[in-house]
Amino acid sequence: MVLVWNLLNFLVLGPHDKIFYNAKRGFYRTTNKAGGVEGGISNGEPIIITYTMKPIPSLVNSLVSVNLKTKRMSKAEIVRSDVCAVAALGVIGESAVACEIANAFKEKFGADSLQDIKNNFDLYNKRIKAL
């Protein structure tokens, strides 16, 4: 299965990007085929996430159910679901990703105040620029 996935990636995306170096830009690639993440770490490019959703189920044929008030068998209602949930999913997906990025940021630079987090972030940036 992994071999098939790798072959599909190669056929669709092409060969792995070469890594270049520039004194101003540092290390970089000419494209963002990795979607901004390599080996679970951001590579500095925009993070691109692709997700899918299953269709929201609609009940066309009534199922046999039980009326809780009368305790008698009855048919369930025919339910037509919202058919335009994709736009809402985009907002939900973006929010979930933002929360995860914020959690990772706090894990890396966390403290008990925003000023401490900012100080930790600034020190980190100074340290990696020295590399």
N, C-alpha and C. Protein backbone atom coordinates (compact mmCIF):
# COMPACT_ATOMS: atom_id res chain seq x y z
N MET A 1 0.83 -1.20 0.00
CA MET A 1 0.00 0.00 0.00
C MET A 1 0.87 1.26 0.00
N VAL A 2 1.92 1.27 0.82
CA VAL A 2 2.81 2.43 0.89
C VAL A 2 3.49 2.64 -0.46
N LEU A 3 3.89 1.54 -1.10
CA LEU A 3 4.54 1.64 -2.40
C LEU A 3 3.60 2.29 -3.42
N VAL A 4 2.33 1.89 -3.40
CA VAL A 4 1.35 2.48 -4.32
C VAL A 4 1.19 3.97 -4.02
N TRP A 5 1.11 4.34 -2.74
CA TRP A 5 0.96 5.74 -2.35
C TRP A 5 2.18 6.56 -2.81
N ASN A 6 3.38 6.03 -2.60
CA ASN A 6 4.59 6.73 -3.02
C ASN A 6 4.64 6.88 -4.54
N LEU A 7 4.22 5.84 -5.26
CA LEU A 7 4.19 5.92 -6.71
C LEU A 7 3.20 6.97 -7.18
N LEU A 8 2.01 7.00 -6.56
CA LEU A 8 1.02 8.02 -6.92
C LEU A 8 1.55 9.42 -6.64
N ASN A 9 2.17 9.62 -5.49
CA ASN A 9 2.75 10.92 -5.18
C ASN A 9 3.79 11.32 -6.22
N PHE A 10 4.62 10.38 -6.61
CA PHE A 10 5.66 10.67 -7.60
C PHE A 10 5.04 11.04 -8.94
N LEU A 11 4.00 10.30 -9.34
CA LEU A 11 3.36 10.57 -10.64
C LEU A 11 2.61 11.89 -10.63
N VAL A 12 1.96 12.21 -9.53
CA VAL A 12 1.17 13.44 -9.45
C VAL A 12 2.05 14.65 -9.16
N LEU A 13 2.93 14.54 -8.18
CA LEU A 13 3.72 15.68 -7.73
C LEU A 13 5.08 15.77 -8.40
N GLY A 14 5.56 14.67 -8.92
CA GLY A 14 6.89 14.67 -9.51
C GLY A 14 7.92 14.28 -8.47
N PRO A 15 9.20 14.32 -8.86
CA PRO A 15 10.26 13.93 -7.92
C PRO A 15 10.38 14.92 -6.76
N HIS A 16 11.01 14.45 -5.71
CA HIS A 16 11.22 15.27 -4.52
C HIS A 16 11.98 16.55 -4.88
N ASP A 17 11.57 17.67 -4.31
CA ASP A 17 12.24 18.95 -4.59
C ASP A 17 13.66 18.96 -4.09
N LYS A 18 14.52 19.63 -4.84
CA LYS A 18 15.88 19.86 -4.36
C LYS A 18 15.85 20.98 -3.33
N ILE A 19 16.81 20.96 -2.43
CA ILE A 19 16.93 22.01 -1.43
C ILE A 19 18.02 22.97 -1.87
N PHE A 20 17.71 24.27 -1.81
CA PHE A 20 18.66 25.30 -2.20
C PHE A 20 19.01 26.14 -0.98
N TYR A 21 20.10 26.88 -1.08
CA TYR A 21 20.51 27.78 0.00
C TYR A 21 20.83 29.15 -0.58
N ASN A 22 20.35 30.17 0.13
CA ASN A 22 20.62 31.55 -0.23
C ASN A 22 20.92 32.27 1.07
N ALA A 23 21.93 33.14 1.09
CA ALA A 23 22.33 33.81 2.34
C ALA A 23 21.18 34.62 2.94
N LYS A 24 20.38 35.26 2.09
CA LYS A 24 19.25 36.05 2.60
C LYS A 24 18.10 35.18 3.05
N ARG A 25 17.77 34.18 2.24
CA ARG A 25 16.58 33.36 2.48
C ARG A 25 16.85 32.13 3.33
N GLY A 26 18.07 31.68 3.36
CA GLY A 26 18.39 30.44 4.07
C GLY A 26 18.09 29.24 3.18
N PHE A 27 17.77 28.10 3.78
CA PHE A 27 17.42 26.91 3.02
C PHE A 27 16.00 27.04 2.51
N TYR A 28 15.75 26.60 1.28
CA TYR A 28 14.41 26.69 0.72
C TYR A 28 14.26 25.70 -0.43
N ARG A 29 13.04 25.50 -0.82
CA ARG A 29 12.71 24.68 -1.99
C ARG A 29 12.01 25.58 -3.00
N THR A 30 12.00 25.17 -4.26
CA THR A 30 11.37 26.00 -5.29
C THR A 30 9.85 25.83 -5.32
N THR A 31 9.32 24.74 -4.77
CA THR A 31 7.88 24.53 -4.70
C THR A 31 7.51 24.12 -3.28
N ASN A 32 6.23 24.03 -3.03
CA ASN A 32 5.74 23.62 -1.71
C ASN A 32 4.99 22.30 -1.84
N LYS A 33 5.61 21.31 -2.49
CA LYS A 33 4.94 20.02 -2.68
C LYS A 33 4.70 19.29 -1.37
N ALA A 34 5.43 19.63 -0.32
CA ALA A 34 5.26 18.97 0.97
C ALA A 34 4.10 19.56 1.76
N GLY A 35 3.49 20.63 1.26
CA GLY A 35 2.35 21.23 1.96
C GLY A 35 2.75 22.00 3.20
N GLY A 36 4.01 22.40 3.30
CA GLY A 36 4.46 23.21 4.43
C GLY A 36 4.95 22.42 5.62
N VAL A 37 4.85 21.09 5.57
CA VAL A 37 5.27 20.26 6.70
C VAL A 37 6.13 19.12 6.18
N GLU A 38 7.30 18.96 6.78
CA GLU A 38 8.18 17.84 6.43
C GLU A 38 8.59 17.14 7.72
N GLY A 39 8.31 15.86 7.79
CA GLY A 39 8.67 15.10 8.98
C GLY A 39 7.98 15.61 10.24
N GLY A 40 6.77 16.16 10.09
CA GLY A 40 6.02 16.67 11.23
C GLY A 40 6.46 18.05 11.69
N ILE A 41 7.35 18.70 10.95
CA ILE A 41 7.85 20.02 11.34
C ILE A 41 7.57 20.99 10.21
N SER A 42 7.14 22.19 10.55
CA SER A 42 6.90 23.22 9.54
C SER A 42 8.22 23.53 8.84
N ASN A 43 8.16 23.65 7.51
CA ASN A 43 9.36 24.00 6.76
C ASN A 43 9.39 25.49 6.40
N GLY A 44 8.49 26.28 6.98
CA GLY A 44 8.46 27.71 6.74
C GLY A 44 7.58 28.13 5.58
N GLU A 45 7.12 27.18 4.79
CA GLU A 45 6.20 27.48 3.70
C GLU A 45 4.77 27.49 4.24
N PRO A 46 3.83 28.04 3.48
CA PRO A 46 2.43 27.97 3.92
C PRO A 46 2.01 26.52 4.16
N ILE A 47 1.30 26.28 5.24
CA ILE A 47 0.82 24.93 5.55
C ILE A 47 -0.48 24.70 4.78
N ILE A 48 -0.47 23.67 3.94
CA ILE A 48 -1.62 23.35 3.10
C ILE A 48 -2.21 22.04 3.61
N ILE A 49 -3.48 22.06 3.94
CA ILE A 49 -4.14 20.87 4.47
C ILE A 49 -5.31 20.53 3.57
N THR A 50 -5.39 19.28 3.18
CA THR A 50 -6.50 18.80 2.38
C THR A 50 -7.33 17.88 3.26
N TYR A 51 -8.62 18.10 3.29
CA TYR A 51 -9.47 17.21 4.07
C TYR A 51 -10.76 16.96 3.31
N THR A 52 -11.43 15.91 3.70
CA THR A 52 -12.68 15.53 3.04
C THR A 52 -13.74 15.29 4.10
N MET A 53 -14.96 15.23 3.67
CA MET A 53 -16.05 14.90 4.59
C MET A 53 -16.99 13.92 3.90
N LYS A 54 -17.63 13.14 4.70
CA LYS A 54 -18.63 12.23 4.13
C LYS A 54 -19.94 13.00 3.99
N PRO A 55 -20.77 12.61 3.06
CA PRO A 55 -22.06 13.31 2.93
C PRO A 55 -22.89 13.17 4.20
N ILE A 56 -23.65 14.21 4.48
CA ILE A 56 -24.54 14.15 5.64
C ILE A 56 -25.69 13.21 5.27
N PRO A 57 -25.99 12.24 6.13
CA PRO A 57 -27.02 11.28 5.76
C PRO A 57 -28.41 11.90 5.71
N SER A 58 -29.18 11.50 4.74
CA SER A 58 -30.60 11.88 4.63
C SER A 58 -31.40 10.60 4.72
N LEU A 59 -32.49 10.65 5.44
CA LEU A 59 -33.35 9.48 5.62
C LEU A 59 -34.50 9.59 4.63
N VAL A 60 -34.41 8.84 3.53
CA VAL A 60 -35.44 8.90 2.49
C VAL A 60 -36.58 7.94 2.82
N ASN A 61 -36.22 6.73 3.22
CA ASN A 61 -37.24 5.73 3.58
C ASN A 61 -37.36 5.68 5.10
N SER A 62 -38.56 5.84 5.59
CA SER A 62 -38.77 5.83 7.04
C SER A 62 -38.39 4.49 7.65
N LEU A 63 -37.72 4.56 8.78
CA LEU A 63 -37.37 3.36 9.53
C LEU A 63 -38.41 3.13 10.61
N VAL A 64 -38.56 1.89 10.99
CA VAL A 64 -39.48 1.58 12.08
C VAL A 64 -38.82 1.98 13.38
N SER A 65 -39.57 2.67 14.22
CA SER A 65 -39.04 3.17 15.49
C SER A 65 -40.11 3.02 16.56
N VAL A 66 -39.89 3.67 17.69
CA VAL A 66 -40.84 3.63 18.80
C VAL A 66 -41.13 5.06 19.22
N ASN A 67 -42.41 5.36 19.42
CA ASN A 67 -42.81 6.66 19.95
C ASN A 67 -42.64 6.60 21.46
N LEU A 68 -41.79 7.43 22.02
CA LEU A 68 -41.49 7.37 23.45
C LEU A 68 -42.67 7.77 24.31
N LYS A 69 -43.55 8.63 23.80
CA LYS A 69 -44.72 9.04 24.60
C LYS A 69 -45.78 7.96 24.65
N THR A 70 -46.10 7.38 23.48
CA THR A 70 -47.17 6.38 23.43
C THR A 70 -46.67 4.96 23.65
N LYS A 71 -45.36 4.76 23.55
CA LYS A 71 -44.73 3.43 23.69
C LYS A 71 -45.16 2.48 22.57
N ARG A 72 -45.63 3.02 21.46
CA ARG A 72 -46.08 2.20 20.34
C ARG A 72 -45.10 2.32 19.17
N MET A 73 -45.11 1.29 18.37
CA MET A 73 -44.27 1.29 17.19
C MET A 73 -44.80 2.35 16.20
N SER A 74 -43.86 3.08 15.60
CA SER A 74 -44.24 4.07 14.59
C SER A 74 -43.08 4.24 13.63
N LYS A 75 -43.36 4.92 12.53
CA LYS A 75 -42.29 5.16 11.56
C LYS A 75 -41.58 6.47 11.93
N ALA A 76 -40.28 6.45 11.75
CA ALA A 76 -39.49 7.66 12.01
C ALA A 76 -39.79 8.70 10.94
N GLU A 77 -39.51 9.94 11.27
CA GLU A 77 -39.73 11.03 10.32
C GLU A 77 -38.74 10.92 9.16
N ILE A 78 -39.19 11.40 8.01
CA ILE A 78 -38.27 11.51 6.87
C ILE A 78 -37.49 12.80 7.08
N VAL A 79 -36.17 12.67 7.12
CA VAL A 79 -35.32 13.81 7.45
C VAL A 79 -34.49 14.19 6.23
N ARG A 80 -34.51 15.44 5.89
CA ARG A 80 -33.65 15.97 4.82
C ARG A 80 -32.59 16.82 5.49
N SER A 81 -31.34 16.46 5.32
CA SER A 81 -30.25 17.17 6.00
C SER A 81 -29.78 18.36 5.18
N ASP A 82 -29.01 19.22 5.83
CA ASP A 82 -28.40 20.37 5.17
C ASP A 82 -27.45 19.84 4.10
N VAL A 83 -27.64 20.25 2.87
CA VAL A 83 -26.79 19.76 1.79
C VAL A 83 -25.59 20.66 1.54
N CYS A 84 -25.47 21.76 2.24
CA CYS A 84 -24.37 22.71 2.04
C CYS A 84 -23.48 22.81 3.27
N ALA A 85 -23.03 21.68 3.78
CA ALA A 85 -22.21 21.68 4.98
C ALA A 85 -20.73 21.89 4.69
N VAL A 86 -20.34 21.91 3.43
CA VAL A 86 -18.93 22.03 3.08
C VAL A 86 -18.35 23.37 3.55
N ALA A 87 -19.10 24.45 3.37
CA ALA A 87 -18.61 25.77 3.81
C ALA A 87 -18.39 25.78 5.33
N ALA A 88 -19.30 25.19 6.07
CA ALA A 88 -19.14 25.12 7.53
C ALA A 88 -17.93 24.27 7.90
N LEU A 89 -17.69 23.21 7.14
CA LEU A 89 -16.55 22.34 7.42
C LEU A 89 -15.23 23.10 7.25
N GLY A 90 -15.18 24.01 6.29
CA GLY A 90 -13.97 24.82 6.10
C GLY A 90 -13.66 25.64 7.34
N VAL A 91 -14.68 26.24 7.93
CA VAL A 91 -14.49 27.04 9.15
C VAL A 91 -14.06 26.15 10.30
N ILE A 92 -14.69 25.01 10.43
CA ILE A 92 -14.36 24.08 11.51
C ILE A 92 -12.93 23.55 11.34
N GLY A 93 -12.57 23.17 10.12
CA GLY A 93 -11.21 22.66 9.87
C GLY A 93 -10.16 23.71 10.16
N GLU A 94 -10.40 24.94 9.71
CA GLU A 94 -9.45 26.03 9.95
C GLU A 94 -9.29 26.29 11.45
N SER A 95 -10.40 26.26 12.18
CA SER A 95 -10.34 26.47 13.63
C SER A 95 -9.58 25.36 14.34
N ALA A 96 -9.82 24.12 13.92
CA ALA A 96 -9.12 22.98 14.54
C ALA A 96 -7.63 23.07 14.29
N VAL A 97 -7.22 23.44 13.08
CA VAL A 97 -5.80 23.57 12.77
C VAL A 97 -5.19 24.71 13.56
N ALA A 98 -5.91 25.84 13.67
CA ALA A 98 -5.40 26.98 14.43
C ALA A 98 -5.19 26.60 15.90
N CYS A 99 -6.12 25.83 16.46
CA CYS A 99 -5.97 25.38 17.86
C CYS A 99 -4.75 24.48 18.02
N GLU A 100 -4.52 23.57 17.08
CA GLU A 100 -3.37 22.67 17.17
C GLU A 100 -2.06 23.42 17.01
N ILE A 101 -2.02 24.40 16.11
CA ILE A 101 -0.80 25.20 15.95
C ILE A 101 -0.55 26.02 17.22
N ALA A 102 -1.61 26.59 17.79
CA ALA A 102 -1.47 27.34 19.04
C ALA A 102 -0.99 26.44 20.18
N ASN A 103 -1.50 25.21 20.25
CA ASN A 103 -1.04 24.27 21.28
C ASN A 103 0.44 23.94 21.10
N ALA A 104 0.86 23.72 19.86
CA ALA A 104 2.28 23.43 19.61
C ALA A 104 3.15 24.64 19.95
N PHE A 105 2.67 25.84 19.64
CA PHE A 105 3.40 27.07 19.95
C PHE A 105 3.56 27.23 21.46
N LYS A 106 2.47 26.98 22.20
CA LYS A 106 2.52 27.10 23.66
C LYS A 106 3.41 26.02 24.27
N GLU A 107 3.38 24.82 23.67
CA GLU A 107 4.26 23.75 24.16
C GLU A 107 5.73 24.14 23.99
N LYS A 108 6.04 24.78 22.87
CA LYS A 108 7.42 25.17 22.60
C LYS A 108 7.85 26.39 23.42
N PHE A 109 7.00 27.41 23.50
CA PHE A 109 7.38 28.68 24.11
C PHE A 109 6.60 28.99 25.38
N GLY A 110 5.81 28.04 25.87
CA GLY A 110 4.84 28.27 26.92
C GLY A 110 5.38 28.77 28.24
N ALA A 111 4.55 29.52 28.87
CA ALA A 111 4.80 30.04 30.22
C ALA A 111 3.43 30.44 30.76
N ASP A 112 3.42 31.12 31.88
CA ASP A 112 2.13 31.47 32.45
C ASP A 112 1.69 32.91 32.16
N SER A 113 2.40 33.59 31.27
CA SER A 113 1.96 34.94 30.87
C SER A 113 2.35 35.18 29.41
N LEU A 114 1.60 36.05 28.75
CA LEU A 114 1.90 36.36 27.36
C LEU A 114 3.27 37.01 27.20
N GLN A 115 3.67 37.82 28.17
CA GLN A 115 4.98 38.46 28.10
C GLN A 115 6.10 37.43 28.15
N ASP A 116 5.96 36.41 29.00
CA ASP A 116 6.96 35.34 29.07
C ASP A 116 7.02 34.55 27.75
N ILE A 117 5.84 34.29 27.17
CA ILE A 117 5.81 33.57 25.89
C ILE A 117 6.51 34.39 24.82
N LYS A 118 6.24 35.69 24.79
CA LYS A 118 6.88 36.58 23.80
C LYS A 118 8.39 36.61 24.01
N ASN A 119 8.83 36.70 25.27
CA ASN A 119 10.28 36.70 25.55
C ASN A 119 10.93 35.39 25.08
N ASN A 120 10.27 34.26 25.38
CA ASN A 120 10.80 32.95 24.95
C ASN A 120 10.88 32.87 23.43
N PHE A 121 9.87 33.38 22.74
CA PHE A 121 9.84 33.37 21.29
C PHE A 121 10.95 34.25 20.71
N ASP A 122 11.13 35.43 21.29
CA ASP A 122 12.18 36.34 20.82
C ASP A 122 13.57 35.74 21.02
N LEU A 123 13.80 35.11 22.17
CA LEU A 123 15.09 34.45 22.44
C LEU A 123 15.35 33.31 21.45
N TYR A 124 14.30 32.55 21.16
CA TYR A 124 14.42 31.46 20.20
C TYR A 124 14.80 31.98 18.83
N ASN A 125 14.14 33.05 18.38
CA ASN A 125 14.46 33.65 17.07
C ASN A 125 15.90 34.15 17.02
N LYS A 126 16.39 34.75 18.09
CA LYS A 126 17.78 35.21 18.13
C LYS A 126 18.74 34.02 18.03
N ARG A 127 18.39 32.94 18.74
CA ARG A 127 19.25 31.77 18.76
C ARG A 127 19.33 31.10 17.38
N ILE A 128 18.20 30.94 16.69
CA ILE A 128 18.25 30.26 15.41
C ILE A 128 18.84 31.14 14.31
N LYS A 129 18.76 32.44 14.45
CA LYS A 129 19.39 33.33 13.47
C LYS A 129 20.91 33.26 13.57
N ALA A 130 21.40 32.92 14.76
CA ALA A 130 22.84 32.79 14.95
C ALA A 130 23.39 31.55 14.26
N LEU A 131 22.51 30.59 13.98
CA LEU A 131 22.95 29.36 13.30
C LEU A 131 23.26 29.68 11.88
